[in-house]
C-alpha atoms as a PDB file:
ATOM      1  CA  MET A   1       0.000   0.000   0.000  1.00  0.00           C
ATOM      2  CA  ALA A   2       1.474   3.289  -1.073  1.00  0.00           C
ATOM      3  CA  LYS A   3       2.226   5.790   1.639  1.00  0.00           C
ATOM      4  CA  THR A   4       0.486   9.137   1.515  1.00  0.00           C
ATOM      5  CA  PRO A   5       3.077  11.777   0.755  1.00  0.00           C
ATOM      6  CA  PRO A   6       3.501  14.412   3.495  1.00  0.00           C
ATOM      7  CA  ALA A   7       1.676  17.669   3.034  1.00  0.00           C
ATOM      8  CA  PRO A   8       3.899  20.358   1.588  1.00  0.00           C
ATOM      9  CA  LEU A   9       5.171  22.942   4.017  1.00  0.00           C
ATOM     10  CA  LYS A  10       3.408  26.276   3.863  1.00  0.00           C
ATOM     11  CA  PRO A  11       5.669  28.729   2.095  1.00  0.00           C
ATOM     12  CA  ALA A  12       7.347  31.282   4.350  1.00  0.00           C
ATOM     13  CA  LYS A  13       5.742  34.071   2.373  1.00  0.00           C
ATOM     14  CA  ALA A  14       2.268  32.664   3.040  1.00  0.00           C
ATOM     15  CA  ARG A  15       2.971  32.391   6.778  1.00  0.00           C
ATOM     16  CA  SER A  16       4.255  35.955   6.825  1.00  0.00           C
ATOM     17  CA  THR A  17       1.153  37.148   5.018  1.00  0.00           C
ATOM     18  CA  ALA A  18      -1.101  35.332   7.502  1.00  0.00           C
ATOM     19  CA  THR A  19       0.763  36.887  10.456  1.00  0.00           C
ATOM     20  CA  ALA A  20       0.514  40.337   8.935  1.00  0.00           C
ATOM     21  CA  GLY A  21      -3.186  39.800   8.304  1.00  0.00           C
ATOM     22  CA  TYR A  22      -3.784  38.769  11.917  1.00  0.00           C
ATOM     23  CA  ARG A  23      -1.853  41.775  13.201  1.00  0.00           C
ATOM     24  CA  LYS A  24      -3.809  44.135  10.966  1.00  0.00           C
ATOM     25  CA  GLY A  25      -7.075  42.539  12.072  1.00  0.00           C
ATOM     26  CA  GLU A  26      -6.171  42.983  15.747  1.00  0.00           C
ATOM     27  CA  GLU A  27      -5.209  46.602  15.133  1.00  0.00           C
ATOM     28  CA  THR A  28      -8.575  47.182  13.464  1.00  0.00           C
ATOM     29  CA  ARG A  29     -10.404  45.553  16.365  1.00  0.00           C
ATOM     30  CA  GLN A  30      -8.536  47.677  18.919  1.00  0.00           C
ATOM     31  CA  ARG A  31      -9.210  50.858  16.946  1.00  0.00           C
ATOM     32  CA  ILE A  32     -12.933  50.126  16.930  1.00  0.00           C
ATOM     33  CA  LEU A  33     -12.853  49.442  20.674  1.00  0.00           C
ATOM     34  CA  GLU A  34     -11.094  52.728  21.471  1.00  0.00           C
ATOM     35  CA  VAL A  35     -13.595  54.718  19.422  1.00  0.00           C
ATOM     36  CA  ALA A  36     -16.526  52.823  20.954  1.00  0.00           C
ATOM     37  CA  LEU A  37     -15.309  53.370  24.526  1.00  0.00           C
ATOM     38  CA  LYS A  38     -15.290  57.106  23.988  1.00  0.00           C
ATOM     39  CA  ALA A  39     -18.575  57.137  22.084  1.00  0.00           C
ATOM     40  CA  PHE A  40     -20.462  55.136  24.696  1.00  0.00           C
ATOM     41  CA  GLY A  41     -18.960  57.289  27.447  1.00  0.00           C
ATOM     42  CA  ASP A  42     -19.863  60.525  25.698  1.00  0.00           C
ATOM     43  CA  VAL A  43     -23.446  59.839  24.663  1.00  0.00           C
ATOM     44  CA  SER A  44     -24.575  56.602  26.409  1.00  0.00           C
ATOM     45  CA  TYR A  45     -25.353  53.150  25.091  1.00  0.00           C
ATOM     46  CA  LYS A  46     -28.762  54.114  23.727  1.00  0.00           C
ATOM     47  CA  ALA A  47     -27.614  57.232  21.895  1.00  0.00           C
ATOM     48  CA  ALA A  48     -24.452  55.843  20.304  1.00  0.00           C
ATOM     49  CA  THR A  49     -24.822  54.097  16.953  1.00  0.00           C
ATOM     50  CA  THR A  50     -22.621  51.457  15.380  1.00  0.00           C
ATOM     51  CA  ARG A  51     -22.740  53.362  12.092  1.00  0.00           C
ATOM     52  CA  ARG A  52     -21.171  56.460  13.633  1.00  0.00           C
ATOM     53  CA  ILE A  53     -18.655  54.368  15.544  1.00  0.00           C
ATOM     54  CA  SER A  54     -17.604  52.514  12.401  1.00  0.00           C
ATOM     55  CA  GLU A  55     -17.239  55.812  10.505  1.00  0.00           C
ATOM     56  CA  ALA A  56     -15.134  57.331  13.302  1.00  0.00           C
ATOM     57  CA  ALA A  57     -12.951  54.202  13.376  1.00  0.00           C
ATOM     58  CA  GLY A  58     -12.489  54.329   9.603  1.00  0.00           C
ATOM     59  CA  VAL A  59     -14.064  50.929   8.935  1.00  0.00           C
ATOM     60  CA  SER A  60     -17.228  49.725   7.258  1.00  0.00           C
ATOM     61  CA  LEU A  61     -20.284  48.732   9.278  1.00  0.00           C
ATOM     62  CA  PRO A  62     -19.991  45.090   8.110  1.00  0.00           C
ATOM     63  CA  THR A  63     -16.391  45.077   9.430  1.00  0.00           C
ATOM     64  CA  LEU A  64     -17.573  46.204  12.854  1.00  0.00           C
ATOM     65  CA  GLN A  65     -20.286  43.559  12.793  1.00  0.00           C
ATOM     66  CA  TYR A  66     -17.722  40.919  11.788  1.00  0.00           C
ATOM     67  CA  TYR A  67     -15.644  41.588  14.912  1.00  0.00           C
ATOM     68  CA  PHE A  68     -18.391  42.286  17.457  1.00  0.00           C
ATOM     69  CA  GLY A  69     -21.691  41.053  16.071  1.00  0.00           C
ATOM     70  CA  GLY A  70     -23.616  44.212  16.838  1.00  0.00           C
ATOM     71  CA  LYS A  71     -24.089  47.068  19.245  1.00  0.00           C
ATOM     72  CA  GLU A  72     -24.527  45.015  22.425  1.00  0.00           C
ATOM     73  CA  GLY A  73     -21.610  42.766  21.527  1.00  0.00           C
ATOM     74  CA  LEU A  74     -19.410  45.822  21.005  1.00  0.00           C
ATOM     75  CA  TYR A  75     -20.580  47.333  24.291  1.00  0.00           C
ATOM     76  CA  ARG A  76     -19.786  44.150  26.207  1.00  0.00           C
ATOM     77  CA  ALA A  77     -16.401  43.923  24.481  1.00  0.00           C
ATOM     78  CA  CYS A  78     -15.644  47.451  25.726  1.00  0.00           C
ATOM     79  CA  ALA A  79     -16.374  46.367  29.309  1.00  0.00           C
ATOM     80  CA  GLU A  80     -14.234  43.243  28.906  1.00  0.00           C
ATOM     81  CA  ALA A  81     -11.361  45.365  27.555  1.00  0.00           C
ATOM     82  CA  ILE A  82     -11.541  47.588  30.640  1.00  0.00           C
ATOM     83  CA  VAL A  83     -11.492  44.537  32.921  1.00  0.00           C
ATOM     84  CA  ASP A  84      -8.493  43.109  31.058  1.00  0.00           C
ATOM     85  CA  ARG A  85      -6.517  46.332  31.428  1.00  0.00           C
ATOM     86  CA  TYR A  86      -7.458  46.586  35.103  1.00  0.00           C
ATOM     87  CA  ARG A  87      -6.288  43.035  35.772  1.00  0.00           C
ATOM     88  CA  ARG A  88      -2.983  43.542  33.999  1.00  0.00           C
ATOM     89  CA  ARG A  89      -2.189  46.539  36.211  1.00  0.00           C
ATOM     90  CA  THR A  90      -3.485  45.244  39.552  1.00  0.00           C
ATOM     91  CA  ALA A  91      -3.380  41.425  39.473  1.00  0.00           C
ATOM     92  CA  ALA A  92       0.095  41.066  41.008  1.00  0.00           C
ATOM     93  CA  ALA A  93      -0.700  43.203  44.067  1.00  0.00           C
ATOM     94  CA  ALA A  94      -4.073  41.484  44.548  1.00  0.00           C
ATOM     95  CA  ALA A  95      -2.530  37.992  44.333  1.00  0.00           C
ATOM     96  CA  LYS A  96       0.153  38.830  46.905  1.00  0.00           C
ATOM     97  CA  ALA A  97      -2.498  40.289  49.216  1.00  0.00           C
ATOM     98  CA  ALA A  98      -4.648  37.158  48.946  1.00  0.00           C
ATOM     99  CA  GLU A  99      -1.618  34.982  49.723  1.00  0.00           C
ATOM    100  CA  ALA A 100      -0.755  37.105  52.759  1.00  0.00           C
ATOM    101  CA  LEU A 101      -4.324  36.926  54.068  1.00  0.00           C
ATOM    102  CA  ASN A 102      -4.110  33.134  54.016  1.00  0.00           C
ATOM    103  CA  GLU A 103      -0.660  32.850  55.571  1.00  0.00           C
ATOM    104  CA  ASP A 104      -0.106  35.830  57.874  1.00  0.00           C
ATOM    105  CA  ARG A 105      -2.681  37.165  60.320  1.00  0.00           C
ATOM    106  CA  ALA A 106      -0.651  40.222  61.397  1.00  0.00           C
ATOM    107  CA  ALA A 107      -2.499  43.523  61.075  1.00  0.00           C
ATOM    108  CA  GLU A 108       0.582  45.385  59.904  1.00  0.00           C
ATOM    109  CA  THR A 109       1.182  42.855  57.136  1.00  0.00           C
ATOM    110  CA  ALA A 110      -2.358  43.500  55.934  1.00  0.00           C
ATOM    111  CA  ARG A 111      -1.696  47.252  56.056  1.00  0.00           C
ATOM    112  CA  VAL A 112       1.381  46.877  53.835  1.00  0.00           C
ATOM    113  CA  HIS A 113      -0.596  44.897  51.270  1.00  0.00           C
ATOM    114  CA  LEU A 114      -3.549  47.278  51.441  1.00  0.00           C
ATOM    115  CA  LYS A 115      -1.204  50.111  50.471  1.00  0.00           C
ATOM    116  CA  ALA A 116       0.100  48.008  47.566  1.00  0.00           C
ATOM    117  CA  VAL A 117      -3.407  47.128  46.334  1.00  0.00           C
ATOM    118  CA  ILE A 118      -4.697  50.698  46.548  1.00  0.00           C
ATOM    119  CA  GLY A 119      -1.432  51.976  45.076  1.00  0.00           C
ATOM    120  CA  ALA A 120      -1.834  49.711  42.047  1.00  0.00           C
ATOM    121  CA  LEU A 121      -5.446  50.819  41.653  1.00  0.00           C
ATOM    122  CA  ALA A 122      -4.523  54.498  41.942  1.00  0.00           C
ATOM    123  CA  GLY A 123      -1.667  54.058  39.496  1.00  0.00           C
ATOM    124  CA  PHE A 124      -4.129  52.595  37.027  1.00  0.00           C
ATOM    125  CA  LEU A 125      -6.880  55.159  37.604  1.00  0.00           C
ATOM    126  CA  VAL A 126      -4.880  58.308  38.286  1.00  0.00           C
ATOM    127  CA  GLY A 127      -1.509  57.842  36.658  1.00  0.00           C
ATOM    128  CA  SER A 128      -2.611  56.134  33.462  1.00  0.00           C
ATOM    129  CA  ARG A 129      -3.593  58.170  30.405  1.00  0.00           C
ATOM    130  CA  GLU A 130      -5.434  55.170  28.976  1.00  0.00           C
ATOM    131  CA  ALA A 131      -7.916  55.324  31.860  1.00  0.00           C
ATOM    132  CA  GLU A 132      -9.225  58.657  30.611  1.00  0.00           C
ATOM    133  CA  GLY A 133     -10.685  56.916  27.581  1.00  0.00           C
ATOM    134  CA  TRP A 134     -12.965  54.649  29.575  1.00  0.00           C
ATOM    135  CA  ALA A 135     -13.620  56.589  32.805  1.00  0.00           C
ATOM    136  CA  GLN A 136     -16.833  58.076  31.442  1.00  0.00           C
ATOM    137  CA  PHE A 137     -17.919  54.662  30.162  1.00  0.00           C
ATOM    138  CA  VAL A 138     -17.623  53.174  33.663  1.00  0.00           C
ATOM    139  CA  ALA A 139     -19.191  56.208  35.360  1.00  0.00           C
ATOM    140  CA  ARG A 140     -22.175  56.150  33.006  1.00  0.00           C
ATOM    141  CA  GLU A 141     -22.660  52.401  33.432  1.00  0.00           C
ATOM    142  CA  LEU A 142     -22.616  52.763  37.230  1.00  0.00           C
ATOM    143  CA  ARG A 143     -25.173  55.604  37.111  1.00  0.00           C
ATOM    144  CA  ASP A 144     -27.461  53.905  34.615  1.00  0.00           C
ATOM    145  CA  PRO A 145     -26.739  50.124  34.508  1.00  0.00           C
ATOM    146  CA  GLY A 146     -26.882  48.569  31.073  1.00  0.00           C
ATOM    147  CA  PRO A 147     -25.605  45.440  29.291  1.00  0.00           C
ATOM    148  CA  ALA A 148     -22.094  45.837  30.731  1.00  0.00           C
ATOM    149  CA  PHE A 149     -22.947  46.379  34.394  1.00  0.00           C
ATOM    150  CA  GLU A 150     -22.617  42.737  35.472  1.00  0.00           C
ATOM    151  CA  ILE A 151     -19.311  42.363  33.622  1.00  0.00           C
ATOM    152  CA  LEU A 152     -17.852  45.379  35.422  1.00  0.00           C
ATOM    153  CA  TYR A 153     -19.339  44.480  38.785  1.00  0.00           C
ATOM    154  CA  GLU A 154     -18.358  40.816  38.830  1.00  0.00           C
ATOM    155  CA  ASN A 155     -14.867  41.266  37.395  1.00  0.00           C
ATOM    156  CA  LEU A 156     -13.816  44.693  38.629  1.00  0.00           C
ATOM    157  CA  TRP A 157     -15.836  46.110  41.508  1.00  0.00           C
ATOM    158  CA  ARG A 158     -16.730  42.988  43.488  1.00  0.00           C
ATOM    159  CA  PRO A 159     -13.217  41.438  43.628  1.00  0.00           C
ATOM    160  CA  GLY A 160     -11.621  44.840  44.251  1.00  0.00           C
ATOM    161  CA  VAL A 161     -13.948  45.697  47.123  1.00  0.00           C
ATOM    162  CA  SER A 162     -13.723  42.173  48.512  1.00  0.00           C
ATOM    163  CA  THR A 163      -9.908  42.147  48.701  1.00  0.00           C
ATOM    164  CA  THR A 164      -9.779  45.661  50.128  1.00  0.00           C
ATOM    165  CA  ALA A 165     -12.457  44.878  52.714  1.00  0.00           C
ATOM    166  CA  ARG A 166     -10.696  41.669  53.804  1.00  0.00           C
ATOM    167  CA  LEU A 167      -7.452  43.571  54.352  1.00  0.00           C
ATOM    168  CA  ILE A 168      -9.232  46.299  56.319  1.00  0.00           C
ATOM    169  CA  ALA A 169     -11.038  43.697  58.426  1.00  0.00           C
ATOM    170  CA  ARG A 170      -7.683  42.082  59.240  1.00  0.00           C
ATOM    171  CA  ILE A 171      -6.281  45.473  60.288  1.00  0.00           C
ATOM    172  CA  LEU A 172      -9.318  46.196  62.457  1.00  0.00           C
ATOM    173  CA  GLY A 173      -9.345  42.707  63.926  1.00  0.00           C
ATOM    174  CA  VAL A 174     -12.959  42.090  62.937  1.00  0.00           C
ATOM    175  CA  PRO A 175     -14.510  39.168  61.017  1.00  0.00           C
ATOM    176  CA  GLU A 176     -14.324  39.176  57.221  1.00  0.00           C
ATOM    177  CA  GLY A 177     -17.568  40.510  55.813  1.00  0.00           C
ATOM    178  CA  ASP A 178     -17.931  43.045  58.605  1.00  0.00           C
ATOM    179  CA  PRO A 179     -20.113  45.942  57.289  1.00  0.00           C
ATOM    180  CA  ALA A 180     -17.779  48.611  58.687  1.00  0.00           C
ATOM    181  CA  ALA A 181     -14.833  47.097  56.776  1.00  0.00           C
ATOM    182  CA  ARG A 182     -16.847  47.043  53.559  1.00  0.00           C
ATOM    183  CA  ILE A 183     -17.885  50.667  53.993  1.00  0.00           C
ATOM    184  CA  ARG A 184     -14.283  51.700  54.568  1.00  0.00           C
ATOM    185  CA  ALA A 185     -13.257  49.728  51.478  1.00  0.00           C
ATOM    186  CA  LEU A 186     -15.850  51.501  49.338  1.00  0.00           C
ATOM    187  CA  LEU A 187     -14.792  54.904  50.656  1.00  0.00           C
ATOM    188  CA  LEU A 188     -11.106  54.195  50.093  1.00  0.00           C
ATOM    189  CA  ILE A 189     -11.607  52.956  46.535  1.00  0.00           C
ATOM    190  CA  SER A 190     -13.975  55.826  45.740  1.00  0.00           C
ATOM    191  CA  SER A 191     -11.408  58.360  46.936  1.00  0.00           C
ATOM    192  CA  ALA A 192      -8.954  57.011  44.346  1.00  0.00           C
ATOM    193  CA  LEU A 193     -11.640  56.809  41.657  1.00  0.00           C
ATOM    194  CA  ALA A 194     -12.539  60.476  42.213  1.00  0.00           C
ATOM    195  CA  PHE A 195      -9.201  61.512  40.737  1.00  0.00           C
ATOM    196  CA  GLN A 196     -10.258  59.950  37.459  1.00  0.00           C
ATOM    197  CA  SER A 197     -14.005  60.571  37.297  1.00  0.00           C
ATOM    198  CA  GLY A 198     -13.507  64.104  38.634  1.00  0.00           C
ATOM    199  CA  ARG A 199     -10.246  64.726  36.785  1.00  0.00           C
ATOM    200  CA  ARG A 200     -11.183  68.232  35.593  1.00  0.00           C
ATOM    201  CA  ILE A 201     -12.131  69.320  39.089  1.00  0.00           C
ATOM    202  CA  VAL A 202      -8.914  67.849  40.488  1.00  0.00           C
ATOM    203  CA  LEU A 203      -6.741  69.632  37.929  1.00  0.00           C
ATOM    204  CA  ARG A 204      -8.420  72.966  38.545  1.00  0.00           C
ATOM    205  CA  THR A 205      -8.478  72.635  42.334  1.00  0.00           C
ATOM    206  CA  MET A 206      -4.842  71.572  42.537  1.00  0.00           C
ATOM    207  CA  ARG A 207      -3.757  73.970  39.767  1.00  0.00           C
ATOM    208  CA  TRP A 208      -2.185  71.100  37.888  1.00  0.00           C
ATOM    209  CA  SER A 209      -1.921  71.028  34.114  1.00  0.00           C
ATOM    210  CA  THR A 210      -1.797  67.228  34.150  1.00  0.00           C
ATOM    211  CA  ILE A 211      -1.330  64.306  36.518  1.00  0.00           C
ATOM    212  CA  GLY A 212       2.180  63.008  36.018  1.00  0.00           C
ATOM    213  CA  GLY A 213       4.667  61.175  38.190  1.00  0.00           C
ATOM    214  CA  ASP A 214       5.047  63.927  40.808  1.00  0.00           C
ATOM    215  CA  GLU A 215       1.310  64.464  41.114  1.00  0.00           C
ATOM    216  CA  LEU A 216       0.656  60.724  41.369  1.00  0.00           C
ATOM    217  CA  ALA A 217       3.264  60.471  44.135  1.00  0.00           C
ATOM    218  CA  MET A 218       1.343  63.096  46.124  1.00  0.00           C
ATOM    219  CA  VAL A 219      -1.916  61.186  45.677  1.00  0.00           C
ATOM    220  CA  LEU A 220      -0.289  57.898  46.734  1.00  0.00           C
ATOM    221  CA  SER A 221       1.236  59.563  49.791  1.00  0.00           C
ATOM    222  CA  ALA A 222      -2.182  60.869  50.838  1.00  0.00           C
ATOM    223  CA  LEU A 223      -3.764  57.444  50.332  1.00  0.00           C
ATOM    224  CA  ASP A 224      -1.017  55.805  52.412  1.00  0.00           C
ATOM    225  CA  ALA A 225      -1.651  58.332  55.187  1.00  0.00           C
ATOM    226  CA  GLN A 226      -5.358  57.511  55.029  1.00  0.00           C
ATOM    227  CA  ILE A 227      -4.595  53.801  55.305  1.00  0.00           C
ATOM    228  CA  ASP A 228      -2.280  54.440  58.260  1.00  0.00           C
ATOM    229  CA  THR A 229      -5.218  55.814  60.260  1.00  0.00           C
ATOM    230  CA  ILE A 230      -7.262  52.610  59.889  1.00  0.00           C
ATOM    231  CA  GLY A 231      -7.360  50.785  63.175  1.00  0.00           C
ATOM    232  CA  ARG A 232      -5.261  53.391  64.937  1.00  0.00           C
ATOM    233  CA  ASP A 233      -8.003  56.014  64.938  1.00  0.00           C
ATOM    234  CA  HIS A 234     -10.358  53.344  66.305  1.00  0.00           C
ATOM    235  CA  ALA A 235      -7.868  52.453  69.072  1.00  0.00           C
ATOM    236  CA  ARG A 236      -7.695  56.049  70.232  1.00  0.00           C
END
């Protein structure tokens, strides 16, 4: 019985073309996402149209539909992109905090990790220019929940608040899930978020032209000082 000859190797040129095509496709997808994030933040989910988004992104409407299916699919993809960026910037600090909570019950260890977690969050929200593009998207979704609310809540807000609250509970010496710890967690996270959602007010109040490295350092220092009072103010 004759052996089947091996399939010919794909020419290098064909592989190169395929790689280039994939890269171009990913660039197109990212461009649509960036335009959509701003559009949905500016005028809401209901008011934004896929036709205007596709025009602003320089692609045809069928191209947008090819990548995202439709308006709701694009909206959900925007939320998932935000979650992905958030995780890339904060995952390391959150993982170390979770490990410490399981292995070390010292309050001061929890305080150190709380500063790291909030510092990573603030660096993402305050010190990152990319956050400006989606801040309005998140703020609008929180004010008027739509198709992306559960994605943002389950993958961004809930784990962030949970880790922060657990660390605060450890510092206070109270059970995990304590309402006071959760309230403090929400207040602490919101204080960092305010520098993004209220960026214009912050810049004008502080007389800053932008928020760069020096300005971020001041914000982080203030957050650390706020964290240092947890537990100690209660003791007094």
